[in-house]
Amino acid sequence: MKSLRINNQYIISRKIASGAFGFVMLGFDQKTGQQVAIKIEKPENEHLRSLEKEVDIIRRLEGVQGVPQMLYFGKQDDFNVLVLQLLSKDLSSLIKKQKKFSLKTVLQIGIKLVEVLDDIHQKGVLHRDLKPENIMIDDNNRFYIIDYGISKAFMRKNGTHLPFKDRQPFIGTSRYASIAAHKGNELGRKDDLESLIYILLYFYYGNLPWQNIKHVPSDQKIIQVGEIKQKQTLELFNNLPEELKKIYEYLRKLTYVTEPDYKSIIKLFQQAAKNSKIKIDSIYDWDIQNTAQTEMFSRYGTIQFDDNYEIDQYQSNQQINIKQHHINPNKRKTFCPSLIKQTFNQDLIQIVKDKGKKSNGSSAMENIDEIYQLSKDEISEDTQQIIPEECQQNQGLRVRTLPDYLKKPKIKQKPTQTLVFDDDWVIDSGTHLVDNYKKLQSLSNQMTTIFHHKQK
């Protein structure tokens, strides 16, 4: 392709995928600044009309949540070009990173994809090539099914079902294709759902018994994979909730023209979660992993907790930055100044009381008590985050630093350790604990002033 500009609007950036039909490029819309996916068909495949057929299917599915939005279709330098909404990531890349998914994630994926397939089938369309690479999520964990190159409309415009045929060429991907596809039968709605079950089994176990069959010709491989599926699939449900096996057995009994009972299938997924004491809350394994990687992290050390609760004055000039991360409110949260103040309220007061008794500092305790008289209305928004489990277990605060050879060069100054937060709240452990709380009191007064100012 000579031009890097599509329809004088979309700029091509780089290749992100390729296949038999052609390749997919990353691009961006000059008018909106948004990134897009650009599918370009190889000229030698133009006679197959695969991209043109995909456009017809996407137009038929217009308005379905779970189908990417089509932005443009046309020719550019004699190439057929399709511009689509760009989605964040596919489940294939996520499963490669995590090797396998938890039962909770598998059940939630099943529920979401049955809902998407129900909407697609209601428009009279079969996908016929469901696989992890064709399942995408956006930044809000909404699920999409992509790549309609070999999809087919099974309903005529008058609402009648296309007739059944046998001795059809194999359609789909052998690892996830239905048994009917291996037998050469015409595919129906039940076959999309059966492919989904094989995908969920793959997500749970990380592999399937019919994977990586070697030293077998491709035409024989399709037959052999189908035979293994018929013999071994039911055994894979032995370690899973009984409801999943019921779903699979129900799908295997359906005929080509029978409409699956999507609502009952979803209820069985939900029942499996309930019996396994799993909460359906749209939090997935990849969300938890991302949270764990950033939760208790700092550039030069990590904050960890110990059962023996005490606050030490560390003799070090190392600086530790604690960052806040805005994530799903149902997940565990990182620390911020007000969270620490709120969480360790009672424990810190007791520590200062003990220190105050030793030093006869009665006035110091009066200052401490004043700090904790803030009403709920005077607390900033960052205190409304969920308290981490470690805090609920009344565990202590420790700092683990990197080995000496990885630390920043030491600067000669008064030995002290500083915790620096995003909102510039500073605690100097080289000073008396009561002095630190005077800073807290000053911070509280500032917070109260700002709050009342905003109310006015």
Protein backbone atom coordinates (compact mmCIF):
# COMPACT_ATOMS: atom_id res chain seq x y z
CA MET A 1 0.00 0.00 0.00
CA LYS A 2 1.46 3.30 -1.12
CA SER A 3 -0.55 5.62 1.11
CA LEU A 4 -0.39 5.76 4.90
CA ARG A 5 -3.70 7.60 5.00
CA ILE A 6 -7.11 5.90 4.67
CA ASN A 7 -10.03 7.95 3.30
CA ASN A 8 -8.00 11.07 4.06
CA GLN A 9 -8.89 10.57 7.74
CA TYR A 10 -7.26 7.46 9.27
CA ILE A 11 -3.48 7.34 9.62
CA ILE A 12 -1.76 3.93 9.58
CA SER A 13 0.76 3.40 12.38
CA ARG A 14 2.00 -0.21 12.63
CA LYS A 15 0.95 -3.84 12.13
CA ILE A 16 -0.66 -5.55 15.12
CA ALA A 17 -1.89 -8.84 13.59
CA SER A 18 -1.96 -10.84 10.38
CA GLY A 19 -3.79 -13.83 8.93
CA ALA A 20 -4.75 -15.64 5.75
CA PHE A 21 -7.12 -12.82 4.74
CA GLY A 22 -4.55 -10.03 5.14
CA PHE A 23 -3.39 -8.01 8.13
CA VAL A 24 -4.57 -5.62 10.83
CA MET A 25 -2.90 -2.26 11.37
CA LEU A 26 -3.03 0.12 14.29
CA GLY A 27 -4.10 3.60 13.26
CA PHE A 28 -5.73 6.76 14.55
CA ASP A 29 -8.53 9.03 13.49
CA GLN A 30 -7.29 12.51 12.62
CA LYS A 31 -10.67 14.04 13.38
CA THR A 32 -11.20 12.55 16.85
CA GLY A 33 -7.67 11.54 17.86
CA GLN A 34 -8.93 8.07 18.78
CA GLN A 35 -6.97 4.91 17.93
CA VAL A 36 -8.60 2.49 15.49
CA ALA A 37 -8.05 -0.98 14.02
CA ILE A 38 -7.56 -1.08 10.23
CA LYS A 39 -8.12 -4.43 8.43
CA ILE A 40 -6.48 -4.62 4.99
CA GLU A 41 -7.33 -7.49 2.63
CA LYS A 42 -4.60 -9.04 0.46
CA PRO A 43 -5.24 -8.40 -3.24
CA GLU A 44 -4.88 -12.12 -4.05
CA ASN A 45 -7.77 -12.88 -1.67
CA GLU A 46 -10.12 -10.26 -3.05
CA HIS A 47 -12.02 -12.85 -5.10
CA LEU A 48 -13.04 -14.55 -1.84
CA ARG A 49 -14.87 -11.39 -0.77
CA SER A 50 -14.13 -12.22 2.88
CA LEU A 51 -13.83 -8.57 3.96
CA GLU A 52 -16.94 -7.61 2.00
CA LYS A 53 -18.88 -10.47 3.64
CA GLU A 54 -17.65 -9.39 7.07
CA VAL A 55 -18.90 -5.87 6.40
CA ASP A 56 -22.35 -7.25 5.48
CA ILE A 57 -22.46 -9.21 8.75
CA ILE A 58 -21.32 -6.25 10.88
CA ARG A 59 -23.95 -4.04 9.27
CA ARG A 60 -26.56 -6.67 10.09
CA LEU A 61 -25.32 -6.69 13.72
CA GLU A 62 -25.34 -2.90 14.05
CA GLY A 63 -26.42 -1.84 17.53
CA VAL A 64 -25.50 -5.13 19.23
CA GLN A 65 -23.45 -4.57 22.40
CA GLY A 66 -20.49 -6.91 22.02
CA VAL A 67 -19.84 -6.26 18.31
CA PRO A 68 -17.15 -3.65 17.45
CA GLN A 69 -18.37 -0.52 15.71
CA MET A 70 -17.55 -0.18 12.00
CA LEU A 71 -16.15 3.26 11.15
CA TYR A 72 -15.33 2.96 7.43
CA PHE A 73 -15.19 0.49 4.55
CA GLY A 74 -13.81 1.15 1.07
CA LYS A 75 -10.83 0.88 -1.27
CA GLN A 76 -7.41 2.44 -0.83
CA ASP A 77 -4.68 1.90 -3.48
CA ASP A 78 -6.62 -1.13 -4.81
CA PHE A 79 -6.82 -2.68 -1.33
CA ASN A 80 -10.11 -3.38 0.45
CA VAL A 81 -9.94 -1.62 3.80
CA LEU A 82 -12.14 -1.90 6.90
CA VAL A 83 -11.76 0.51 9.85
CA LEU A 84 -13.14 -0.68 13.20
CA GLN A 85 -13.34 0.40 16.81
CA LEU A 86 -10.08 -0.54 18.60
CA LEU A 87 -10.44 -2.71 21.70
CA SER A 88 -8.00 -3.08 24.59
CA LYS A 89 -6.92 -6.72 24.61
CA ASP A 90 -7.97 -10.25 23.65
CA LEU A 91 -8.40 -13.19 26.00
CA SER A 92 -5.69 -15.13 24.17
CA SER A 93 -3.00 -12.72 25.34
CA LEU A 94 -4.41 -12.71 28.89
CA ILE A 95 -4.48 -16.51 29.21
CA LYS A 96 -0.90 -16.71 27.90
CA LYS A 97 0.21 -14.41 30.71
CA GLN A 98 -1.71 -16.16 33.48
CA LYS A 99 -1.57 -19.77 32.13
CA LYS A 100 -5.08 -20.50 33.46
CA PHE A 101 -8.07 -18.68 34.95
CA SER A 102 -9.86 -19.22 38.24
CA LEU A 103 -13.31 -20.79 38.36
CA LYS A 104 -14.81 -17.40 39.19
CA THR A 105 -13.34 -15.79 36.08
CA VAL A 106 -14.36 -18.76 33.91
CA LEU A 107 -17.99 -18.59 35.10
CA GLN A 108 -18.18 -14.83 34.63
CA ILE A 109 -16.73 -15.09 31.10
CA GLY A 110 -19.32 -17.77 30.32
CA ILE A 111 -22.21 -15.58 31.46
CA LYS A 112 -21.03 -12.53 29.50
CA LEU A 113 -20.38 -14.43 26.26
CA VAL A 114 -23.70 -16.29 26.33
CA GLU A 115 -25.38 -12.89 26.56
CA VAL A 116 -23.37 -11.60 23.56
CA LEU A 117 -24.05 -14.75 21.50
CA ASP A 118 -27.76 -14.52 22.31
CA ASP A 119 -27.86 -10.98 20.85
CA ILE A 120 -25.87 -12.03 17.78
CA HIS A 121 -28.09 -15.06 17.14
CA GLN A 122 -31.22 -12.92 17.54
CA LYS A 123 -29.99 -10.98 14.51
CA GLY A 124 -29.87 -14.26 12.54
CA VAL A 125 -26.06 -14.56 12.49
CA LEU A 126 -23.71 -17.44 13.41
CA HIS A 127 -20.09 -16.61 14.27
CA ARG A 128 -18.66 -20.09 13.46
CA ASP A 129 -15.09 -19.39 14.63
CA LEU A 130 -15.24 -18.61 18.33
CA LYS A 131 -11.78 -18.74 19.98
CA PRO A 132 -9.83 -16.71 22.60
CA GLU A 133 -8.19 -14.59 19.89
CA ASN A 134 -11.64 -13.43 18.76
CA ILE A 135 -12.86 -12.46 22.22
CA MET A 136 -11.92 -8.93 23.25
CA ILE A 137 -12.50 -6.69 26.26
CA ASP A 138 -12.43 -2.93 26.56
CA ASP A 139 -11.15 -0.83 29.46
CA ASN A 140 -14.41 -1.42 31.36
CA ASN A 141 -14.30 -5.23 30.98
CA ARG A 142 -17.11 -5.24 28.43
CA PHE A 143 -16.84 -8.31 26.20
CA TYR A 144 -16.78 -8.21 22.40
CA ILE A 145 -16.67 -10.93 19.74
CA ILE A 146 -14.69 -9.93 16.64
CA ASP A 147 -13.71 -11.33 13.21
CA TYR A 148 -16.82 -12.18 11.22
CA GLY A 149 -14.91 -13.27 8.12
CA ILE A 150 -16.43 -16.78 8.06
CA SER A 151 -19.67 -15.90 9.83
CA LYS A 152 -22.99 -16.69 8.20
CA ALA A 153 -26.60 -15.59 8.31
CA PHE A 154 -28.73 -18.64 9.15
CA MET A 155 -32.07 -16.84 8.85
CA ARG A 156 -33.63 -15.61 5.63
CA LYS A 157 -35.16 -12.15 5.51
CA ASN A 158 -38.62 -13.71 5.81
CA GLY A 159 -37.58 -15.31 9.13
CA THR A 160 -37.27 -18.93 7.93
CA HIS A 161 -34.30 -21.09 8.93
CA LEU A 162 -31.82 -22.24 6.28
CA PRO A 163 -32.07 -26.01 5.63
CA PHE A 164 -29.69 -28.51 7.16
CA LYS A 165 -26.81 -29.85 5.05
CA ASP A 166 -24.18 -32.50 5.65
CA ARG A 167 -20.84 -33.27 4.00
CA GLN A 168 -19.80 -29.66 4.47
CA PRO A 169 -16.13 -28.56 4.55
CA PHE A 170 -14.66 -28.06 8.03
CA ILE A 171 -15.32 -24.57 9.39
CA GLY A 172 -13.57 -22.96 12.36
CA THR A 173 -10.57 -23.74 14.55
CA SER A 174 -10.13 -27.44 15.37
CA ARG A 175 -9.24 -26.86 19.04
CA TYR A 176 -12.59 -25.18 19.78
CA ALA A 177 -14.86 -26.33 16.93
CA SER A 178 -18.02 -28.27 17.77
CA ILE A 179 -18.26 -32.00 17.13
CA ALA A 180 -20.77 -31.25 14.35
CA ALA A 181 -18.07 -29.24 12.56
CA HIS A 182 -15.70 -32.25 12.72
CA LYS A 183 -18.45 -34.42 11.22
CA GLY A 184 -18.99 -32.02 8.31
CA ASN A 185 -22.50 -30.97 9.37
CA GLU A 186 -24.02 -27.55 8.82
CA LEU A 187 -23.43 -25.41 11.93
CA GLY A 188 -26.22 -23.89 14.01
CA ARG A 189 -26.62 -21.76 17.11
CA LYS A 190 -25.82 -24.67 19.42
CA ASP A 191 -22.38 -25.00 17.81
CA ASP A 192 -21.31 -21.47 18.76
CA LEU A 193 -22.25 -22.28 22.37
CA GLU A 194 -20.47 -25.64 22.26
CA SER A 195 -17.30 -23.86 21.09
CA LEU A 196 -17.69 -21.53 24.07
CA ILE A 197 -17.69 -24.52 26.44
CA TYR A 198 -14.38 -25.79 24.98
CA ILE A 199 -12.93 -22.29 25.41
CA LEU A 200 -13.99 -22.20 29.06
CA LEU A 201 -12.44 -25.64 29.66
CA TYR A 202 -9.22 -24.37 28.09
CA PHE A 203 -9.26 -21.30 30.33
CA TYR A 204 -9.75 -23.41 33.46
CA TYR A 205 -7.17 -26.13 32.76
CA GLY A 206 -4.70 -24.17 30.64
CA ASN A 207 -4.75 -26.88 27.96
CA LEU A 208 -7.00 -29.48 26.35
CA PRO A 209 -6.41 -33.22 25.73
CA TRP A 210 -6.62 -32.79 21.94
CA GLN A 211 -4.04 -30.01 21.83
CA ASN A 212 -0.69 -30.31 20.04
CA ILE A 213 -1.33 -33.57 18.19
CA LYS A 214 1.87 -34.17 16.23
CA HIS A 215 2.92 -36.25 13.23
CA VAL A 216 -0.63 -36.35 11.84
CA PRO A 217 -1.66 -34.91 8.44
CA SER A 218 -3.91 -31.86 8.71
CA ASP A 219 -6.94 -33.61 7.20
CA GLN A 220 -6.54 -36.54 9.59
CA LYS A 221 -5.90 -34.21 12.53
CA ILE A 222 -9.39 -32.69 12.26
CA ILE A 223 -10.96 -36.18 12.39
CA GLN A 224 -8.74 -37.28 15.29
CA VAL A 225 -9.47 -34.15 17.35
CA GLY A 226 -13.21 -34.74 16.87
CA GLU A 227 -12.89 -38.33 18.09
CA ILE A 228 -10.97 -37.28 21.23
CA LYS A 229 -13.61 -34.64 22.00
CA GLN A 230 -16.36 -37.25 21.83
CA LYS A 231 -14.49 -39.65 24.13
CA GLN A 232 -12.83 -37.38 26.71
CA THR A 233 -14.80 -34.12 27.05
CA LEU A 234 -17.19 -35.37 29.75
CA GLU A 235 -14.22 -36.39 31.92
CA LEU A 236 -13.05 -32.76 31.99
CA PHE A 237 -16.13 -31.77 33.99
CA ASN A 238 -15.26 -34.06 36.93
CA ASN A 239 -13.38 -31.25 38.71
CA LEU A 240 -15.94 -28.59 37.84
CA PRO A 241 -19.40 -27.71 39.17
CA GLU A 242 -22.10 -30.13 38.03
CA GLU A 243 -23.99 -27.31 36.30
CA LEU A 244 -21.30 -26.93 33.62
CA LYS A 245 -21.63 -30.58 32.67
CA LYS A 246 -25.41 -30.14 32.43
CA ILE A 247 -24.92 -27.21 30.03
CA TYR A 248 -22.64 -29.27 27.78
CA GLU A 249 -24.94 -32.31 27.76
CA TYR A 250 -27.91 -30.06 26.97
CA LEU A 251 -26.11 -28.48 23.99
CA ARG A 252 -25.06 -31.86 22.62
CA LYS A 253 -28.73 -32.95 22.51
CA LEU A 254 -29.94 -29.93 20.52
CA THR A 255 -30.70 -30.23 16.84
CA TYR A 256 -29.52 -27.94 14.06
CA VAL A 257 -32.66 -25.76 14.01
CA THR A 258 -33.42 -25.76 17.76
CA GLU A 259 -33.03 -22.41 19.48
CA PRO A 260 -30.96 -22.80 22.68
CA ASP A 261 -32.45 -21.65 25.96
CA TYR A 262 -29.93 -18.89 26.67
CA LYS A 263 -31.56 -17.71 29.91
CA SER A 264 -31.50 -21.21 31.42
CA ILE A 265 -27.83 -21.60 30.45
CA ILE A 266 -26.99 -18.32 32.20
CA LYS A 267 -28.95 -19.43 35.28
CA LEU A 268 -26.91 -22.65 35.39
CA PHE A 269 -23.67 -20.60 35.31
CA GLN A 270 -25.04 -18.45 38.14
CA GLN A 271 -26.10 -21.53 40.12
CA ALA A 272 -22.61 -22.99 39.70
CA ALA A 273 -21.18 -19.79 41.16
CA LYS A 274 -23.64 -19.81 44.05
CA ASN A 275 -22.93 -23.45 44.94
CA SER A 276 -19.20 -22.72 44.81
CA LYS A 277 -19.70 -19.63 47.05
CA ILE A 278 -18.47 -17.34 44.28
CA LYS A 279 -19.72 -13.76 44.02
CA ILE A 280 -20.48 -12.56 40.50
CA ASP A 281 -19.05 -9.03 40.68
CA SER A 282 -17.32 -8.53 37.29
CA ILE A 283 -13.86 -8.66 38.87
CA TYR A 284 -11.57 -10.94 36.88
CA ASP A 285 -8.17 -12.54 37.40
CA TRP A 286 -6.44 -9.93 35.25
CA ASP A 287 -7.89 -7.15 37.45
CA ILE A 288 -6.54 -8.78 40.61
CA GLN A 289 -3.14 -9.32 39.01
CA ASN A 290 -2.89 -5.69 37.92
CA THR A 291 -3.86 -4.55 41.42
CA ALA A 292 -1.31 -6.84 43.07
CA GLN A 293 1.48 -5.48 40.90
CA THR A 294 0.84 -1.87 41.88
CA GLU A 295 -0.77 -2.14 45.29
CA MET A 296 2.13 -2.06 47.77
CA PHE A 297 4.85 -0.84 45.45
CA SER A 298 7.37 1.98 45.69
CA ARG A 299 10.42 2.82 43.71
CA TYR A 300 13.04 2.00 46.35
CA GLY A 301 11.17 -0.35 48.67
CA THR A 302 7.83 -1.95 49.50
CA ILE A 303 5.57 -1.48 52.50
CA GLN A 304 4.73 -4.75 54.18
CA PHE A 305 2.97 -5.70 57.40
CA ASP A 306 4.02 -7.76 60.38
CA ASP A 307 1.99 -9.22 63.23
CA ASN A 308 4.21 -7.46 65.80
CA TYR A 309 2.89 -3.92 65.58
CA GLU A 310 5.32 -1.17 66.43
CA ILE A 311 6.64 1.97 64.80
CA ASP A 312 10.41 2.20 64.59
CA GLN A 313 12.47 5.26 63.89
CA TYR A 314 14.61 4.04 61.03
CA GLN A 315 18.06 5.56 60.81
CA SER A 316 18.22 5.98 57.06
CA ASN A 317 18.04 8.83 54.57
CA GLN A 318 16.28 6.71 51.98
CA GLN A 319 13.06 8.18 50.57
CA ILE A 320 10.03 5.99 49.85
CA ASN A 321 7.22 7.16 47.55
CA ILE A 322 3.75 5.71 48.10
CA LYS A 323 1.45 6.17 45.08
CA GLN A 324 -2.32 6.04 44.98
CA HIS A 325 -4.00 4.05 42.21
CA HIS A 326 -7.57 4.72 41.11
CA ILE A 327 -9.01 1.28 40.52
CA ASN A 328 -12.29 -0.57 40.86
CA PRO A 329 -13.84 0.32 44.26
CA ASN A 330 -14.45 -3.37 44.98
CA LYS A 331 -10.74 -4.11 44.95
CA ARG A 332 -8.12 -3.61 47.62
CA LYS A 333 -6.73 -0.12 47.81
CA THR A 334 -3.29 1.37 48.15
CA PHE A 335 -2.32 3.70 50.97
CA CYS A 336 -2.85 7.42 51.13
CA PRO A 337 -2.25 9.73 54.14
CA SER A 338 -5.86 9.91 55.25
CA LEU A 339 -6.20 6.13 54.95
CA ILE A 340 -3.25 5.61 57.27
CA LYS A 341 -4.66 8.22 59.65
CA GLN A 342 -8.09 6.58 59.58
CA THR A 343 -6.89 2.97 59.77
CA PHE A 344 -4.31 3.22 62.53
CA ASN A 345 -6.35 5.63 64.63
CA GLN A 346 -6.66 3.69 67.86
CA ASP A 347 -3.29 1.94 67.68
CA LEU A 348 -1.31 5.12 67.09
CA ILE A 349 -3.08 6.94 69.94
CA GLN A 350 -2.22 4.08 72.30
CA ILE A 351 1.44 4.21 71.23
CA VAL A 352 1.61 7.95 71.83
CA LYS A 353 -0.09 7.52 75.21
CA ASP A 354 2.57 5.02 76.22
CA LYS A 355 5.32 7.35 75.06
CA GLY A 356 3.56 10.29 76.74
CA LYS A 357 3.50 8.52 80.11
CA LYS A 358 7.22 7.96 79.95
CA SER A 359 7.90 11.60 79.13
CA ASN A 360 5.04 13.06 81.23
CA GLY A 361 3.74 14.82 78.08
CA SER A 362 0.08 15.39 79.06
CA SER A 363 -0.40 18.33 76.69
CA ALA A 364 0.71 16.20 73.76
CA MET A 365 -2.23 13.87 74.24
CA GLU A 366 -4.69 16.75 74.11
CA ASN A 367 -3.35 17.64 70.66
CA ILE A 368 -3.64 14.05 69.50
CA ASP A 369 -7.28 13.78 70.64
CA GLU A 370 -8.19 16.96 68.77
CA ILE A 371 -6.91 15.50 65.49
CA TYR A 372 -9.33 12.60 65.66
CA GLN A 373 -12.44 14.71 66.28
CA LEU A 374 -12.95 15.28 62.54
CA SER A 375 -16.50 14.54 61.42
CA LYS A 376 -17.16 12.30 58.43
CA ASP A 377 -18.05 15.37 56.38
CA GLU A 378 -14.57 16.80 56.96
CA ILE A 379 -12.74 13.76 55.65
CA SER A 380 -11.45 13.96 52.08
CA GLU A 381 -12.62 11.59 49.37
CA ASP A 382 -9.55 9.40 49.50
CA THR A 383 -10.60 8.13 52.94
CA GLN A 384 -13.68 6.55 51.39
CA GLN A 385 -11.56 3.75 49.94
CA ILE A 386 -11.80 0.18 51.20
CA ILE A 387 -9.31 -0.58 53.96
CA PRO A 388 -6.78 -3.27 52.93
CA GLU A 389 -7.04 -6.65 54.60
CA GLU A 390 -3.71 -6.16 56.35
CA CYS A 391 -5.14 -3.16 58.18
CA GLN A 392 -8.20 -5.09 59.27
CA GLN A 393 -5.95 -7.70 60.82
CA ASN A 394 -4.25 -5.06 63.03
CA GLN A 395 -0.85 -5.78 61.60
CA GLY A 396 2.20 -3.57 61.87
CA LEU A 397 4.06 -1.41 59.42
CA ARG A 398 7.52 -2.37 58.23
CA VAL A 399 9.75 -1.13 55.44
CA ARG A 400 11.87 -3.48 53.38
CA THR A 401 14.44 -1.79 51.19
CA LEU A 402 16.60 -2.98 48.33
CA PRO A 403 20.15 -4.28 48.90
CA ASP A 404 22.79 -1.60 49.49
CA TYR A 405 24.28 -1.97 46.01
CA LEU A 406 20.91 -1.06 44.45
CA LYS A 407 20.16 1.96 46.64
CA LYS A 408 20.55 5.56 45.59
CA PRO A 409 23.87 7.22 46.54
CA LYS A 410 23.76 8.40 50.16
CA ILE A 411 23.71 12.12 50.88
CA LYS A 412 25.30 13.33 54.05
CA GLN A 413 22.60 14.88 56.15
CA LYS A 414 20.73 14.31 59.38
CA PRO A 415 19.78 10.62 59.53
CA THR A 416 16.05 10.45 58.96
CA GLN A 417 13.57 8.55 56.84
CA THR A 418 10.79 10.34 55.02
CA LEU A 419 7.57 8.95 53.66
CA VAL A 420 6.46 11.17 50.77
CA PHE A 421 2.86 10.90 49.60
CA ASP A 422 1.10 12.19 46.51
CA ASP A 423 -0.53 15.03 48.46
CA ASP A 424 2.80 16.16 49.95
CA TRP A 425 2.03 14.94 53.45
CA VAL A 426 5.38 14.21 55.14
CA ILE A 427 6.35 12.28 58.25
CA ASP A 428 9.90 12.63 59.54
CA SER A 429 10.79 9.63 61.69
CA GLY A 430 13.85 11.46 62.98
CA THR A 431 11.61 13.73 65.06
CA HIS A 432 9.36 12.94 68.01
CA LEU A 433 6.13 11.15 67.15
CA VAL A 434 4.06 13.94 68.74
CA ASP A 435 5.68 16.48 66.43
CA ASN A 436 4.61 14.39 63.49
CA TYR A 437 1.05 14.53 64.73
CA LYS A 438 1.22 18.28 64.95
CA LYS A 439 1.79 18.14 61.20
CA LEU A 440 -1.25 15.91 60.97
CA GLN A 441 -3.26 18.47 62.92
CA SER A 442 -2.13 21.21 60.54
CA LEU A 443 -3.11 19.03 57.59
CA SER A 444 -6.54 18.39 59.15
CA ASN A 445 -7.16 22.11 59.62
CA GLN A 446 -6.24 22.69 55.96
CA MET A 447 -8.61 19.93 54.88
CA THR A 448 -11.45 21.43 56.97
CA THR A 449 -10.85 24.93 55.55
CA ILE A 450 -10.85 23.61 51.97
CA PHE A 451 -14.01 21.59 52.60
CA HIS A 452 -15.97 24.56 54.00
CA HIS A 453 -14.65 26.78 51.20
CA LYS A 454 -15.99 24.30 48.61
CA GLN A 455 -19.36 24.19 50.41
CA LYS A 456 -19.68 27.95 50.17
